[in-house]
Every structure is written in C-alpha cells, then in structure tokens.
Amino acid sequence: MPYIFISTQIRLECGPTICGDEYSDPELMEFLGAKLTKQLGNNFREYSTADVPRLVLNKLEEKGYKVVGVTGLGQTMVWTLFKPAQ
C-alpha cells in the first residue's frame, strides 16, 4: 500500500488521529496502535489511535513513508504519505 492519509480535527491536535479506512493494511494499523472504529452516523469504519499526529507520522517514517502533502480542510488537518517501492 504506497499511499496513506492521516487526519485529525484541528481542535483535537492532541488526538485522536485517524490513520486509515477499513481496507488499510491491518499489520500497519497494529504497528500504529490503531483500532477499527465506526462513528455514530457514518456508514464506514476507520482506524483511529489515541496518539497525536506527530507520533503517528514519526512511526510511519520508521516504515519508510514520506509526507508528500499537507492541507487543512475546515477544522481538519490531513497529511498524505507515500512509501516508494523497494
């Protein structure tokens, strides 16, 4: 899986951090300490961790991911990361 999106609400920069969707690599999500959750009102599940975004980004760097984009969408911060083929 070469791309991953990480996001958090700006007012919640101390966590939780959304790490992936229900189709994300379960081994990578376990490494991040993320659990599969479903928010009330959503028709999808997502992986979430109590870690702050900085810690999640640091862990992903250990696995070879690099940040390729950052944006703010309303009250949400989103990081896009890519892992080059080895």
N, C-alpha and C. Protein backbone atom coordinates (compact mmCIF):
# COMPACT_ATOMS: atom_id res chain seq x y z
N MET A 1 0.85 -1.17 0.00
CA MET A 1 0.00 0.00 0.00
C MET A 1 0.89 1.24 0.00
N PRO A 2 1.06 1.91 -1.15
CA PRO A 2 2.03 3.00 -1.21
C PRO A 2 1.55 4.33 -0.61
N TYR A 3 0.23 4.59 -0.55
CA TYR A 3 -0.27 5.86 -0.01
C TYR A 3 -1.05 5.64 1.27
N ILE A 4 -1.00 6.64 2.16
CA ILE A 4 -1.79 6.61 3.38
C ILE A 4 -2.16 8.04 3.74
N PHE A 5 -3.36 8.24 4.26
CA PHE A 5 -3.83 9.54 4.70
C PHE A 5 -3.96 9.52 6.22
N ILE A 6 -3.48 10.57 6.86
CA ILE A 6 -3.57 10.73 8.30
C ILE A 6 -4.34 12.03 8.53
N SER A 7 -5.30 12.03 9.46
CA SER A 7 -6.03 13.27 9.71
C SER A 7 -6.41 13.39 11.18
N THR A 8 -6.70 14.63 11.56
CA THR A 8 -7.18 14.93 12.90
C THR A 8 -7.95 16.24 12.86
N GLN A 9 -8.85 16.41 13.80
CA GLN A 9 -9.54 17.68 13.94
C GLN A 9 -8.56 18.69 14.54
N ILE A 10 -8.50 19.89 14.03
CA ILE A 10 -7.55 20.88 14.50
C ILE A 10 -7.72 21.14 15.99
N ARG A 11 -8.94 21.16 16.47
CA ARG A 11 -9.18 21.41 17.89
C ARG A 11 -8.78 20.22 18.74
N LEU A 12 -8.48 19.08 18.10
CA LEU A 12 -8.09 17.87 18.82
C LEU A 12 -6.67 17.44 18.45
N GLU A 13 -5.77 18.42 18.28
CA GLU A 13 -4.42 18.06 17.84
C GLU A 13 -3.69 17.15 18.80
N CYS A 14 -4.27 16.96 19.99
CA CYS A 14 -3.66 16.03 20.94
C CYS A 14 -4.25 14.63 20.77
N GLY A 15 -5.00 14.40 19.73
CA GLY A 15 -5.57 13.10 19.43
C GLY A 15 -7.08 13.13 19.58
N PRO A 16 -7.79 12.18 19.06
CA PRO A 16 -7.28 11.01 18.34
C PRO A 16 -6.85 11.36 16.92
N THR A 17 -6.13 10.44 16.32
CA THR A 17 -5.66 10.60 14.95
C THR A 17 -6.26 9.48 14.11
N ILE A 18 -6.86 9.85 12.99
CA ILE A 18 -7.41 8.87 12.05
C ILE A 18 -6.25 8.40 11.16
N CYS A 19 -6.08 7.07 11.08
CA CYS A 19 -4.91 6.51 10.40
C CYS A 19 -5.23 5.76 9.11
N GLY A 20 -6.46 5.43 8.87
CA GLY A 20 -6.78 4.67 7.67
C GLY A 20 -8.23 4.26 7.64
N ASP A 21 -8.63 3.69 6.52
CA ASP A 21 -10.00 3.21 6.39
C ASP A 21 -10.05 1.70 6.61
N GLU A 22 -11.22 1.13 6.51
CA GLU A 22 -11.40 -0.29 6.83
C GLU A 22 -10.62 -1.22 5.89
N TYR A 23 -10.09 -0.69 4.78
CA TYR A 23 -9.34 -1.50 3.84
C TYR A 23 -7.82 -1.35 4.01
N SER A 24 -7.40 -0.59 5.01
CA SER A 24 -5.97 -0.37 5.26
C SER A 24 -5.29 -1.65 5.73
N ASP A 25 -3.98 -1.69 5.57
CA ASP A 25 -3.17 -2.83 5.97
C ASP A 25 -3.28 -3.06 7.48
N PRO A 26 -3.87 -4.18 7.91
CA PRO A 26 -4.06 -4.42 9.33
C PRO A 26 -2.75 -4.49 10.12
N GLU A 27 -1.69 -5.00 9.52
CA GLU A 27 -0.40 -5.07 10.21
C GLU A 27 0.16 -3.67 10.47
N LEU A 28 0.03 -2.79 9.47
CA LEU A 28 0.50 -1.42 9.64
C LEU A 28 -0.34 -0.70 10.70
N MET A 29 -1.64 -0.93 10.69
CA MET A 29 -2.52 -0.30 11.67
C MET A 29 -2.20 -0.78 13.08
N GLU A 30 -1.86 -2.06 13.21
CA GLU A 30 -1.47 -2.59 14.52
C GLU A 30 -0.17 -1.93 14.98
N PHE A 31 0.79 -1.76 14.07
CA PHE A 31 2.04 -1.09 14.39
C PHE A 31 1.79 0.34 14.89
N LEU A 32 0.78 1.00 14.31
CA LEU A 32 0.45 2.37 14.71
C LEU A 32 -0.38 2.41 16.00
N GLY A 33 -0.82 1.25 16.45
CA GLY A 33 -1.66 1.21 17.65
C GLY A 33 -3.08 1.65 17.37
N ALA A 34 -3.51 1.53 16.12
CA ALA A 34 -4.84 1.99 15.71
C ALA A 34 -5.86 0.85 15.80
N LYS A 35 -7.06 1.22 16.18
CA LYS A 35 -8.17 0.27 16.29
C LYS A 35 -9.25 0.65 15.29
N LEU A 36 -9.92 -0.36 14.74
CA LEU A 36 -11.00 -0.13 13.78
C LEU A 36 -12.24 0.31 14.54
N THR A 37 -12.77 1.50 14.19
CA THR A 37 -13.93 2.05 14.87
C THR A 37 -14.96 2.51 13.84
N LYS A 38 -16.17 2.73 14.34
CA LYS A 38 -17.24 3.29 13.49
C LYS A 38 -17.92 4.39 14.28
N GLN A 39 -17.89 5.60 13.74
CA GLN A 39 -18.52 6.75 14.38
C GLN A 39 -20.02 6.74 14.13
N LEU A 40 -20.77 7.14 15.12
CA LEU A 40 -22.22 7.22 15.01
C LEU A 40 -22.60 8.10 13.82
N GLY A 41 -23.44 7.59 12.95
CA GLY A 41 -23.89 8.33 11.78
C GLY A 41 -23.10 8.05 10.52
N ASN A 42 -21.92 7.44 10.63
CA ASN A 42 -21.12 7.10 9.45
C ASN A 42 -21.51 5.71 8.95
N ASN A 43 -21.41 5.48 7.65
CA ASN A 43 -21.66 4.16 7.11
C ASN A 43 -20.36 3.46 6.73
N PHE A 44 -19.27 3.89 7.33
CA PHE A 44 -17.96 3.29 7.09
C PHE A 44 -17.20 3.20 8.40
N ARG A 45 -16.17 2.37 8.41
CA ARG A 45 -15.30 2.23 9.58
C ARG A 45 -13.94 2.82 9.25
N GLU A 46 -13.23 3.24 10.28
CA GLU A 46 -11.91 3.82 10.09
C GLU A 46 -11.02 3.42 11.25
N TYR A 47 -9.71 3.42 10.99
CA TYR A 47 -8.74 3.14 12.04
C TYR A 47 -8.40 4.45 12.76
N SER A 48 -8.38 4.38 14.09
CA SER A 48 -8.10 5.54 14.91
C SER A 48 -7.16 5.15 16.04
N THR A 49 -6.27 6.08 16.41
CA THR A 49 -5.37 5.88 17.54
C THR A 49 -5.43 7.09 18.46
N ALA A 50 -5.19 6.90 19.73
CA ALA A 50 -5.17 7.99 20.69
C ALA A 50 -3.90 8.83 20.56
N ASP A 51 -2.91 8.34 19.82
CA ASP A 51 -1.65 9.07 19.64
C ASP A 51 -1.87 10.39 18.91
N VAL A 52 -1.02 11.36 19.21
CA VAL A 52 -1.06 12.64 18.50
C VAL A 52 -0.51 12.43 17.08
N PRO A 53 -0.90 13.28 16.13
CA PRO A 53 -0.44 13.10 14.74
C PRO A 53 1.07 13.02 14.61
N ARG A 54 1.81 13.82 15.38
CA ARG A 54 3.27 13.81 15.28
C ARG A 54 3.84 12.43 15.55
N LEU A 55 3.31 11.73 16.56
CA LEU A 55 3.80 10.39 16.86
C LEU A 55 3.46 9.41 15.74
N VAL A 56 2.27 9.54 15.17
CA VAL A 56 1.87 8.66 14.06
C VAL A 56 2.78 8.91 12.86
N LEU A 57 3.05 10.17 12.55
CA LEU A 57 3.94 10.50 11.43
C LEU A 57 5.35 9.96 11.67
N ASN A 58 5.84 10.06 12.90
CA ASN A 58 7.16 9.52 13.23
C ASN A 58 7.21 8.01 13.04
N LYS A 59 6.15 7.31 13.46
CA LYS A 59 6.09 5.85 13.30
C LYS A 59 6.07 5.48 11.82
N LEU A 60 5.32 6.24 11.02
CA LEU A 60 5.25 5.93 9.59
C LEU A 60 6.59 6.19 8.90
N GLU A 61 7.33 7.17 9.37
CA GLU A 61 8.66 7.40 8.80
C GLU A 61 9.57 6.19 9.05
N GLU A 62 9.43 5.57 10.22
CA GLU A 62 10.20 4.36 10.52
C GLU A 62 9.92 3.26 9.50
N LYS A 63 8.71 3.24 8.97
CA LYS A 63 8.31 2.22 7.98
C LYS A 63 8.60 2.63 6.55
N GLY A 64 9.24 3.80 6.37
CA GLY A 64 9.64 4.22 5.02
C GLY A 64 8.69 5.19 4.34
N TYR A 65 7.66 5.66 5.02
CA TYR A 65 6.72 6.61 4.44
C TYR A 65 7.27 8.02 4.53
N LYS A 66 6.96 8.83 3.52
CA LYS A 66 7.36 10.24 3.49
C LYS A 66 6.13 11.10 3.23
N VAL A 67 6.05 12.24 3.90
CA VAL A 67 4.94 13.17 3.69
C VAL A 67 5.09 13.80 2.31
N VAL A 68 4.03 13.76 1.51
CA VAL A 68 4.06 14.38 0.18
C VAL A 68 3.03 15.50 0.06
N GLY A 69 2.16 15.64 1.05
CA GLY A 69 1.18 16.73 1.01
C GLY A 69 0.54 16.95 2.37
N VAL A 70 0.21 18.20 2.63
CA VAL A 70 -0.47 18.59 3.87
C VAL A 70 -1.51 19.64 3.51
N THR A 71 -2.68 19.53 4.11
CA THR A 71 -3.70 20.55 3.88
C THR A 71 -4.61 20.67 5.09
N GLY A 72 -5.28 21.78 5.16
CA GLY A 72 -6.32 21.97 6.16
C GLY A 72 -7.65 22.05 5.44
N LEU A 73 -8.61 21.29 5.90
CA LEU A 73 -9.95 21.28 5.30
C LEU A 73 -10.95 21.65 6.38
N GLY A 74 -11.37 22.91 6.44
CA GLY A 74 -12.25 23.32 7.52
C GLY A 74 -11.52 23.18 8.84
N GLN A 75 -12.02 22.32 9.71
CA GLN A 75 -11.40 22.10 11.01
C GLN A 75 -10.56 20.83 11.05
N THR A 76 -10.20 20.30 9.87
CA THR A 76 -9.45 19.05 9.78
C THR A 76 -8.09 19.27 9.13
N MET A 77 -7.07 18.65 9.70
CA MET A 77 -5.74 18.61 9.10
C MET A 77 -5.55 17.25 8.46
N VAL A 78 -4.99 17.22 7.25
CA VAL A 78 -4.76 15.96 6.53
C VAL A 78 -3.33 15.92 6.02
N TRP A 79 -2.67 14.79 6.27
CA TRP A 79 -1.33 14.54 5.73
C TRP A 79 -1.44 13.38 4.76
N THR A 80 -0.81 13.49 3.60
CA THR A 80 -0.73 12.39 2.64
C THR A 80 0.71 11.90 2.65
N LEU A 81 0.87 10.59 2.81
CA LEU A 81 2.21 9.99 2.83
C LEU A 81 2.32 8.95 1.74
N PHE A 82 3.55 8.76 1.26
CA PHE A 82 3.84 7.79 0.21
C PHE A 82 5.04 6.97 0.61
N LYS A 83 4.98 5.68 0.29
CA LYS A 83 6.11 4.80 0.53
C LYS A 83 6.60 4.28 -0.81
N PRO A 84 7.81 4.68 -1.22
CA PRO A 84 8.35 4.23 -2.51
C PRO A 84 8.52 2.71 -2.55
N ALA A 85 8.38 2.16 -3.74
CA ALA A 85 8.61 0.72 -3.93
C ALA A 85 10.08 0.43 -3.64
N GLN A 86 10.34 -0.74 -3.07
CA GLN A 86 11.71 -1.07 -2.69
C GLN A 86 12.37 -1.97 -3.67
